[in-house]
Amino acid sequence: MAEAFRNVYEDAARARAYAELGFPGTYYLAFRDLPLLLRKHVSGSRALDFGCGTGRSTRLLKNLAFEVIGVDVSQVMLEQARARDPNGDYRLVVEGNLGEFGSGTLDLILAALTFDNVPTERKKTSLPQLRRLLTPGGRLVVVVSAADIYCHEWTSFSTRAYPSNRSARDGESVRIVMLDVPDRRPVIDILCSDTLYRELFEAAGLCVVDALRPVATGDEPVQWVSETTTPPWTIYVLRAAQPHR
């Protein structure tokens, strides 16, 4: 059974540790291809960073010339984001409620690693909200941990202390340790396979127009562990499904 939902970053020590991260190691692969994907699929500049955390992905979008608002459910994470980007627009959304945003107003919504520790039922309620906000040509880009990330060793993560991850099913808790920060308490995520994500997207009225499972080339100046053979992340580019006629 999945544990009761808790945002693991609603914790000042974790927020401080996370705020120091750029795009090191395994994280590099989660963000490396985003500029190209956004140029390929997104028209317009109005963007929302859903689950912005300490603003790492928000600042990336700003650097790509998007007019972006960052939203998160964690006040302590937003405090770190504002400290690093005083001119940014960072807003608290209670329980992920996006009612303040108008329907059909956003060209891009980015959810970068937002859904990793969100229970399946909350994913089900969040995705239709995001769909509602997209313009007719808008895109929702979702970056998530692939199921394999919880079963291997990585440059930036370790799971060897949690062999139970290998038998976890969709909706159940899995644990992973971040190696790029001093705080080595395990992060508790909720397993969601590619199959389940695609079912959730379809149920929310979203179509996958592109999907990428990035791996390292081996030419990067990084001592990779599993990253050249096993994708740690999945990136989905989604649009609203066309209404039935």
C-alpha atoms as a PDB file:
ATOM      1  CA  MET A   1       0.000   0.000   0.000  1.00  0.00           C
ATOM      2  CA  ALA A   2       1.179   3.545  -0.681  1.00  0.00           C
ATOM      3  CA  GLU A   3       1.991   5.595   2.385  1.00  0.00           C
ATOM      4  CA  ALA A   4      -0.085   8.641   3.285  1.00  0.00           C
ATOM      5  CA  PHE A   5       0.781  11.504   0.946  1.00  0.00           C
ATOM      6  CA  ARG A   6       3.485  13.796   2.211  1.00  0.00           C
ATOM      7  CA  ASN A   7       5.553  16.228   0.203  1.00  0.00           C
ATOM      8  CA  VAL A   8       9.032  15.086   1.196  1.00  0.00           C
ATOM      9  CA  TYR A   9      10.390  18.567   0.469  1.00  0.00           C
ATOM     10  CA  GLU A  10       8.056  20.248   2.968  1.00  0.00           C
ATOM     11  CA  ASP A  11      11.099  20.105   5.191  1.00  0.00           C
ATOM     12  CA  ALA A  12      13.498  23.009   5.641  1.00  0.00           C
ATOM     13  CA  ALA A  13      16.660  20.865   5.618  1.00  0.00           C
ATOM     14  CA  ARG A  14      15.658  19.076   2.418  1.00  0.00           C
ATOM     15  CA  ALA A  15      14.642  22.343   0.782  1.00  0.00           C
ATOM     16  CA  ARG A  16      18.010  23.921   1.558  1.00  0.00           C
ATOM     17  CA  ALA A  17      19.864  20.893   0.213  1.00  0.00           C
ATOM     18  CA  TYR A  18      17.748  20.766  -2.930  1.00  0.00           C
ATOM     19  CA  ALA A  19      18.172  24.498  -3.534  1.00  0.00           C
ATOM     20  CA  GLU A  20      21.920  24.036  -3.928  1.00  0.00           C
ATOM     21  CA  LEU A  21      21.473  21.639  -6.844  1.00  0.00           C
ATOM     22  CA  GLY A  22      21.995  22.715 -10.402  1.00  0.00           C
ATOM     23  CA  PHE A  23      21.862  19.952 -13.004  1.00  0.00           C
ATOM     24  CA  PRO A  24      24.583  17.579 -11.772  1.00  0.00           C
ATOM     25  CA  GLY A  25      25.162  13.978 -12.713  1.00  0.00           C
ATOM     26  CA  THR A  26      22.027  11.989 -13.418  1.00  0.00           C
ATOM     27  CA  TYR A  27      19.900  15.148 -13.192  1.00  0.00           C
ATOM     28  CA  TYR A  28      21.687  16.458 -16.276  1.00  0.00           C
ATOM     29  CA  LEU A  29      19.888  13.842 -18.359  1.00  0.00           C
ATOM     30  CA  ALA A  30      16.470  14.932 -17.074  1.00  0.00           C
ATOM     31  CA  PHE A  31      16.991  18.458 -18.408  1.00  0.00           C
ATOM     32  CA  ARG A  32      19.506  18.097 -21.258  1.00  0.00           C
ATOM     33  CA  ASP A  33      16.934  17.643 -24.012  1.00  0.00           C
ATOM     34  CA  LEU A  34      14.290  20.085 -22.793  1.00  0.00           C
ATOM     35  CA  PRO A  35      15.446  23.116 -24.834  1.00  0.00           C
ATOM     36  CA  LEU A  36      15.289  21.128 -28.076  1.00  0.00           C
ATOM     37  CA  LEU A  37      11.931  19.535 -27.203  1.00  0.00           C
ATOM     38  CA  LEU A  38      10.425  22.900 -26.326  1.00  0.00           C
ATOM     39  CA  ARG A  39      11.659  24.498 -29.553  1.00  0.00           C
ATOM     40  CA  LYS A  40      10.207  21.584 -31.498  1.00  0.00           C
ATOM     41  CA  HIS A  41       6.783  21.404 -29.850  1.00  0.00           C
ATOM     42  CA  VAL A  42       5.893  24.719 -28.190  1.00  0.00           C
ATOM     43  CA  SER A  43       4.576  27.878 -29.828  1.00  0.00           C
ATOM     44  CA  GLY A  44       4.064  30.920 -27.641  1.00  0.00           C
ATOM     45  CA  SER A  45       5.738  32.085 -24.450  1.00  0.00           C
ATOM     46  CA  ARG A  46       3.184  31.859 -21.612  1.00  0.00           C
ATOM     47  CA  ALA A  47       4.367  29.125 -19.271  1.00  0.00           C
ATOM     48  CA  LEU A  48       3.633  27.561 -15.911  1.00  0.00           C
ATOM     49  CA  ASP A  49       6.206  25.569 -13.946  1.00  0.00           C
ATOM     50  CA  PHE A  50       3.967  23.173 -12.011  1.00  0.00           C
ATOM     51  CA  GLY A  51       5.789  21.940  -8.915  1.00  0.00           C
ATOM     52  CA  CYS A  52       8.617  24.433  -9.334  1.00  0.00           C
ATOM     53  CA  GLY A  53      10.263  23.619  -6.005  1.00  0.00           C
ATOM     54  CA  THR A  54      13.254  25.883  -5.455  1.00  0.00           C
ATOM     55  CA  GLY A  55      12.929  27.324  -8.970  1.00  0.00           C
ATOM     56  CA  ARG A  56      15.602  25.370 -10.831  1.00  0.00           C
ATOM     57  CA  SER A  57      13.283  24.510 -13.736  1.00  0.00           C
ATOM     58  CA  THR A  58      11.585  27.927 -13.594  1.00  0.00           C
ATOM     59  CA  ARG A  59      14.883  29.660 -14.122  1.00  0.00           C
ATOM     60  CA  LEU A  60      15.633  27.303 -17.006  1.00  0.00           C
ATOM     61  CA  LEU A  61      12.391  28.372 -18.698  1.00  0.00           C
ATOM     62  CA  LYS A  62      13.157  32.044 -18.069  1.00  0.00           C
ATOM     63  CA  ASN A  63      16.538  31.582 -19.718  1.00  0.00           C
ATOM     64  CA  LEU A  64      14.686  30.145 -22.728  1.00  0.00           C
ATOM     65  CA  ALA A  65      12.643  33.380 -22.964  1.00  0.00           C
ATOM     66  CA  PHE A  66       9.378  32.044 -21.521  1.00  0.00           C
ATOM     67  CA  GLU A  67       7.148  34.268 -19.410  1.00  0.00           C
ATOM     68  CA  VAL A  68       6.869  31.803 -16.568  1.00  0.00           C
ATOM     69  CA  ILE A  69       5.084  31.503 -13.230  1.00  0.00           C
ATOM     70  CA  GLY A  70       6.330  28.920 -10.758  1.00  0.00           C
ATOM     71  CA  VAL A  71       3.844  27.221  -8.434  1.00  0.00           C
ATOM     72  CA  ASP A  72       4.369  24.718  -5.655  1.00  0.00           C
ATOM     73  CA  VAL A  73       2.603  23.285  -2.600  1.00  0.00           C
ATOM     74  CA  SER A  74       5.673  23.753  -0.373  1.00  0.00           C
ATOM     75  CA  GLN A  75       6.190  27.147   1.241  1.00  0.00           C
ATOM     76  CA  VAL A  76       9.743  26.325   2.329  1.00  0.00           C
ATOM     77  CA  MET A  77      10.710  25.409  -1.224  1.00  0.00           C
ATOM     78  CA  LEU A  78       9.199  28.634  -2.558  1.00  0.00           C
ATOM     79  CA  GLU A  79      11.168  30.647  -0.020  1.00  0.00           C
ATOM     80  CA  GLN A  80      14.344  29.181  -1.467  1.00  0.00           C
ATOM     81  CA  ALA A  81      13.156  29.934  -5.022  1.00  0.00           C
ATOM     82  CA  ARG A  82      12.420  33.574  -4.191  1.00  0.00           C
ATOM     83  CA  ALA A  83      15.762  34.005  -2.460  1.00  0.00           C
ATOM     84  CA  ARG A  84      17.572  32.830  -5.602  1.00  0.00           C
ATOM     85  CA  ASP A  85      15.324  34.661  -8.062  1.00  0.00           C
ATOM     86  CA  PRO A  86      13.875  37.775  -6.355  1.00  0.00           C
ATOM     87  CA  ASN A  87      12.313  39.007  -9.604  1.00  0.00           C
ATOM     88  CA  GLY A  88      10.597  35.717 -10.350  1.00  0.00           C
ATOM     89  CA  ASP A  89       6.886  35.032  -9.913  1.00  0.00           C
ATOM     90  CA  TYR A  90       6.517  32.164  -7.424  1.00  0.00           C
ATOM     91  CA  ARG A  91       3.136  31.263  -5.940  1.00  0.00           C
ATOM     92  CA  LEU A  92       1.845  28.847  -3.334  1.00  0.00           C
ATOM     93  CA  VAL A  93      -0.994  26.598  -4.501  1.00  0.00           C
ATOM     94  CA  VAL A  94      -2.867  24.870  -1.702  1.00  0.00           C
ATOM     95  CA  GLU A  95      -3.152  21.121  -2.416  1.00  0.00           C
ATOM     96  CA  GLY A  96      -2.231  21.836  -6.033  1.00  0.00           C
ATOM     97  CA  ASN A  97      -5.387  23.878  -6.708  1.00  0.00           C
ATOM     98  CA  LEU A  98      -4.917  25.865  -9.929  1.00  0.00           C
ATOM     99  CA  GLY A  99      -8.246  27.675  -9.872  1.00  0.00           C
ATOM    100  CA  GLU A 100      -6.585  31.088 -10.054  1.00  0.00           C
ATOM    101  CA  PHE A 101      -5.442  30.374 -13.612  1.00  0.00           C
ATOM    102  CA  GLY A 102      -7.813  30.846 -16.524  1.00  0.00           C
ATOM    103  CA  SER A 103      -8.783  28.053 -18.886  1.00  0.00           C
ATOM    104  CA  GLY A 104      -6.908  27.943 -22.189  1.00  0.00           C
ATOM    105  CA  THR A 105      -4.311  30.540 -21.208  1.00  0.00           C
ATOM    106  CA  LEU A 106      -0.973  28.685 -21.216  1.00  0.00           C
ATOM    107  CA  ASP A 107       1.233  27.715 -24.139  1.00  0.00           C
ATOM    108  CA  LEU A 108       3.419  25.487 -21.985  1.00  0.00           C
ATOM    109  CA  ILE A 109       3.117  23.713 -18.664  1.00  0.00           C
ATOM    110  CA  LEU A 110       6.245  22.018 -17.366  1.00  0.00           C
ATOM    111  CA  ALA A 111       6.024  19.444 -14.578  1.00  0.00           C
ATOM    112  CA  ALA A 112       9.648  18.461 -13.973  1.00  0.00           C
ATOM    113  CA  LEU A 113       9.889  15.605 -11.451  1.00  0.00           C
ATOM    114  CA  THR A 114       6.703  16.932  -9.854  1.00  0.00           C
ATOM    115  CA  PHE A 115       4.728  13.699  -9.920  1.00  0.00           C
ATOM    116  CA  ASP A 116       7.392  11.384  -8.494  1.00  0.00           C
ATOM    117  CA  ASN A 117       6.099  11.385  -4.920  1.00  0.00           C
ATOM    118  CA  VAL A 118       2.453  12.130  -5.715  1.00  0.00           C
ATOM    119  CA  PRO A 119      -0.067   9.305  -5.135  1.00  0.00           C
ATOM    120  CA  THR A 120      -1.960   7.932  -8.113  1.00  0.00           C
ATOM    121  CA  GLU A 121      -5.276   9.445  -7.027  1.00  0.00           C
ATOM    122  CA  ARG A 122      -3.742  12.896  -6.828  1.00  0.00           C
ATOM    123  CA  LYS A 123      -2.173  12.443 -10.246  1.00  0.00           C
ATOM    124  CA  LYS A 124      -5.671  11.642 -11.519  1.00  0.00           C
ATOM    125  CA  THR A 125      -7.057  14.918 -10.180  1.00  0.00           C
ATOM    126  CA  SER A 126      -4.079  17.089 -11.181  1.00  0.00           C
ATOM    127  CA  LEU A 127      -3.763  16.114 -14.843  1.00  0.00           C
ATOM    128  CA  PRO A 128      -7.256  17.306 -15.901  1.00  0.00           C
ATOM    129  CA  GLN A 129      -6.555  20.633 -14.153  1.00  0.00           C
ATOM    130  CA  LEU A 130      -3.405  21.044 -16.222  1.00  0.00           C
ATOM    131  CA  ARG A 131      -5.204  20.092 -19.423  1.00  0.00           C
ATOM    132  CA  ARG A 132      -7.819  22.801 -18.741  1.00  0.00           C
ATOM    133  CA  LEU A 133      -5.149  25.500 -18.710  1.00  0.00           C
ATOM    134  CA  LEU A 134      -3.639  24.706 -22.112  1.00  0.00           C
ATOM    135  CA  THR A 135      -4.310  26.812 -25.177  1.00  0.00           C
ATOM    136  CA  PRO A 136      -5.586  24.824 -28.192  1.00  0.00           C
ATOM    137  CA  GLY A 137      -1.988  24.397 -29.352  1.00  0.00           C
ATOM    138  CA  GLY A 138      -0.476  24.242 -25.884  1.00  0.00           C
ATOM    139  CA  ARG A 139       1.784  21.506 -24.575  1.00  0.00           C
ATOM    140  CA  LEU A 140       2.200  19.825 -21.209  1.00  0.00           C
ATOM    141  CA  VAL A 141       5.740  18.496 -20.708  1.00  0.00           C
ATOM    142  CA  VAL A 142       6.069  15.956 -17.908  1.00  0.00           C
ATOM    143  CA  VAL A 143       9.464  14.752 -16.667  1.00  0.00           C
ATOM    144  CA  VAL A 144       9.286  11.750 -14.335  1.00  0.00           C
ATOM    145  CA  SER A 145      11.515   9.120 -12.822  1.00  0.00           C
ATOM    146  CA  ALA A 146      11.374   5.933 -14.864  1.00  0.00           C
ATOM    147  CA  ALA A 147      10.544   2.792 -12.899  1.00  0.00           C
ATOM    148  CA  ASP A 148      14.131   1.581 -13.499  1.00  0.00           C
ATOM    149  CA  ILE A 149      15.569   4.411 -11.429  1.00  0.00           C
ATOM    150  CA  TYR A 150      14.469   2.624  -8.248  1.00  0.00           C
ATOM    151  CA  CYS A 151      16.225  -0.649  -9.130  1.00  0.00           C
ATOM    152  CA  HIS A 152      19.769   0.442 -10.092  1.00  0.00           C
ATOM    153  CA  GLU A 153      22.730   2.485  -8.912  1.00  0.00           C
ATOM    154  CA  TRP A 154      23.399   5.889 -10.463  1.00  0.00           C
ATOM    155  CA  THR A 155      25.862   8.748 -10.367  1.00  0.00           C
ATOM    156  CA  SER A 156      23.401  10.826  -8.357  1.00  0.00           C
ATOM    157  CA  PHE A 157      21.260   8.175  -6.637  1.00  0.00           C
ATOM    158  CA  SER A 158      21.473   4.916  -4.735  1.00  0.00           C
ATOM    159  CA  THR A 159      18.799   2.289  -4.164  1.00  0.00           C
ATOM    160  CA  ARG A 160      20.922  -0.661  -2.961  1.00  0.00           C
ATOM    161  CA  ALA A 161      19.609  -0.274   0.603  1.00  0.00           C
ATOM    162  CA  TYR A 162      16.040  -0.838  -0.619  1.00  0.00           C
ATOM    163  CA  PRO A 163      15.772  -4.186  -2.427  1.00  0.00           C
ATOM    164  CA  SER A 164      12.007  -4.107  -1.819  1.00  0.00           C
ATOM    165  CA  ASN A 165      11.824  -1.495  -4.605  1.00  0.00           C
ATOM    166  CA  ARG A 166      12.215  -4.309  -7.120  1.00  0.00           C
ATOM    167  CA  SER A 167       8.940  -5.937  -6.143  1.00  0.00           C
ATOM    168  CA  ALA A 168       6.964  -2.687  -5.783  1.00  0.00           C
ATOM    169  CA  ARG A 169       3.850  -2.256  -7.881  1.00  0.00           C
ATOM    170  CA  ASP A 170       2.214   0.855  -9.279  1.00  0.00           C
ATOM    171  CA  GLY A 171       0.996   3.104  -6.481  1.00  0.00           C
ATOM    172  CA  GLU A 172       3.329   1.646  -3.858  1.00  0.00           C
ATOM    173  CA  SER A 173       6.137   3.464  -2.060  1.00  0.00           C
ATOM    174  CA  VAL A 174       9.745   3.214  -3.219  1.00  0.00           C
ATOM    175  CA  ARG A 175      12.847   4.758  -1.680  1.00  0.00           C
ATOM    176  CA  ILE A 176      15.888   6.397  -3.199  1.00  0.00           C
ATOM    177  CA  VAL A 177      18.881   8.243  -1.747  1.00  0.00           C
ATOM    178  CA  MET A 178      20.224  11.411  -3.349  1.00  0.00           C
ATOM    179  CA  LEU A 179      24.039  11.397  -3.525  1.00  0.00           C
ATOM    180  CA  ASP A 180      24.568  14.997  -4.675  1.00  0.00           C
ATOM    181  CA  VAL A 181      23.457  16.498  -1.348  1.00  0.00           C
ATOM    182  CA  PRO A 182      24.612  16.061   2.265  1.00  0.00           C
ATOM    183  CA  ASP A 183      21.108  15.013   3.368  1.00  0.00           C
ATOM    184  CA  ARG A 184      21.124  11.254   2.813  1.00  0.00           C
ATOM    185  CA  ARG A 185      17.709  10.474   4.242  1.00  0.00           C
ATOM    186  CA  PRO A 186      15.815   8.428   1.650  1.00  0.00           C
ATOM    187  CA  VAL A 187      13.249  10.190  -0.482  1.00  0.00           C
ATOM    188  CA  ILE A 188       9.954   8.316  -0.550  1.00  0.00           C
ATOM    189  CA  ASP A 189       8.389   8.273  -4.011  1.00  0.00           C
ATOM    190  CA  ILE A 190       5.328   6.543  -5.449  1.00  0.00           C
ATOM    191  CA  LEU A 191       5.977   4.061  -8.233  1.00  0.00           C
ATOM    192  CA  CYS A 192       4.227   4.831 -11.518  1.00  0.00           C
ATOM    193  CA  SER A 193       5.086   2.806 -14.596  1.00  0.00           C
ATOM    194  CA  ASP A 194       5.039   4.030 -18.178  1.00  0.00           C
ATOM    195  CA  THR A 195       1.880   1.976 -18.729  1.00  0.00           C
ATOM    196  CA  LEU A 196       0.089   3.645 -15.825  1.00  0.00           C
ATOM    197  CA  TYR A 197       1.224   7.131 -16.822  1.00  0.00           C
ATOM    198  CA  ARG A 198      -0.183   6.616 -20.306  1.00  0.00           C
ATOM    199  CA  GLU A 199      -3.475   5.391 -18.858  1.00  0.00           C
ATOM    200  CA  LEU A 200      -3.656   8.460 -16.610  1.00  0.00           C
ATOM    201  CA  PHE A 201      -2.905  10.789 -19.529  1.00  0.00           C
ATOM    202  CA  GLU A 202      -5.631   9.228 -21.646  1.00  0.00           C
ATOM    203  CA  ALA A 203      -8.154   9.406 -18.798  1.00  0.00           C
ATOM    204  CA  ALA A 204      -7.338  13.106 -18.384  1.00  0.00           C
ATOM    205  CA  GLY A 205      -7.961  13.830 -22.071  1.00  0.00           C
ATOM    206  CA  LEU A 206      -4.276  14.130 -22.970  1.00  0.00           C
ATOM    207  CA  CYS A 207      -2.433  12.629 -25.939  1.00  0.00           C
ATOM    208  CA  VAL A 208       1.275  11.779 -26.026  1.00  0.00           C
ATOM    209  CA  VAL A 209       2.851  13.507 -29.026  1.00  0.00           C
ATOM    210  CA  ASP A 210       6.452  12.692 -28.096  1.00  0.00           C
ATOM    211  CA  ALA A 211       8.221  10.620 -25.470  1.00  0.00           C
ATOM    212  CA  LEU A 212      11.911  10.430 -24.699  1.00  0.00           C
ATOM    213  CA  ARG A 213      13.933   8.146 -22.434  1.00  0.00           C
ATOM    214  CA  PRO A 214      17.305   9.912 -22.274  1.00  0.00           C
ATOM    215  CA  VAL A 215      20.592   8.075 -21.783  1.00  0.00           C
ATOM    216  CA  ALA A 216      24.139   9.366 -21.521  1.00  0.00           C
ATOM    217  CA  THR A 217      26.410   9.140 -24.557  1.00  0.00           C
ATOM    218  CA  GLY A 218      29.495   8.290 -22.524  1.00  0.00           C
ATOM    219  CA  ASP A 219      31.275  11.368 -23.869  1.00  0.00           C
ATOM    220  CA  GLU A 220      30.220  13.561 -20.936  1.00  0.00           C
ATOM    221  CA  PRO A 221      32.827  14.427 -18.268  1.00  0.00           C
ATOM    222  CA  VAL A 222      30.919  12.349 -15.712  1.00  0.00           C
ATOM    223  CA  GLN A 223      31.669   8.961 -14.212  1.00  0.00           C
ATOM    224  CA  TRP A 224      28.421   7.273 -15.157  1.00  0.00           C
ATOM    225  CA  VAL A 225      27.139   4.137 -13.448  1.00  0.00           C
ATOM    226  CA  SER A 226      23.978   2.913 -15.206  1.00  0.00           C
ATOM    227  CA  GLU A 227      23.158   6.018 -17.230  1.00  0.00           C
ATOM    228  CA  THR A 228      24.676   4.942 -20.564  1.00  0.00           C
ATOM    229  CA  THR A 229      22.512   1.816 -20.808  1.00  0.00           C
ATOM    230  CA  THR A 230      19.394   2.394 -18.683  1.00  0.00           C
ATOM    231  CA  PRO A 231      17.243   5.556 -18.901  1.00  0.00           C
ATOM    232  CA  PRO A 232      16.616   7.016 -15.441  1.00  0.00           C
ATOM    233  CA  TRP A 233      13.933   9.429 -16.654  1.00  0.00           C
ATOM    234  CA  THR A 234      11.020   9.627 -19.055  1.00  0.00           C
ATOM    235  CA  ILE A 235       9.952  12.874 -20.728  1.00  0.00           C
ATOM    236  CA  TYR A 236       6.424  13.070 -22.140  1.00  0.00           C
ATOM    237  CA  VAL A 237       5.175  15.845 -24.419  1.00  0.00           C
ATOM    238  CA  LEU A 238       1.364  15.997 -24.273  1.00  0.00           C
ATOM    239  CA  ARG A 239      -1.456  17.913 -25.889  1.00  0.00           C
ATOM    240  CA  ALA A 240      -5.149  18.042 -25.180  1.00  0.00           C
ATOM    241  CA  ALA A 241      -7.039  15.356 -27.049  1.00  0.00           C
ATOM    242  CA  GLN A 242      -9.339  16.550 -29.773  1.00  0.00           C
ATOM    243  CA  PRO A 243     -12.993  16.414 -28.731  1.00  0.00           C
ATOM    244  CA  HIS A 244     -15.043  13.638 -30.321  1.00  0.00           C
ATOM    245  CA  ARG A 245     -17.272  14.839 -33.145  1.00  0.00           C
END
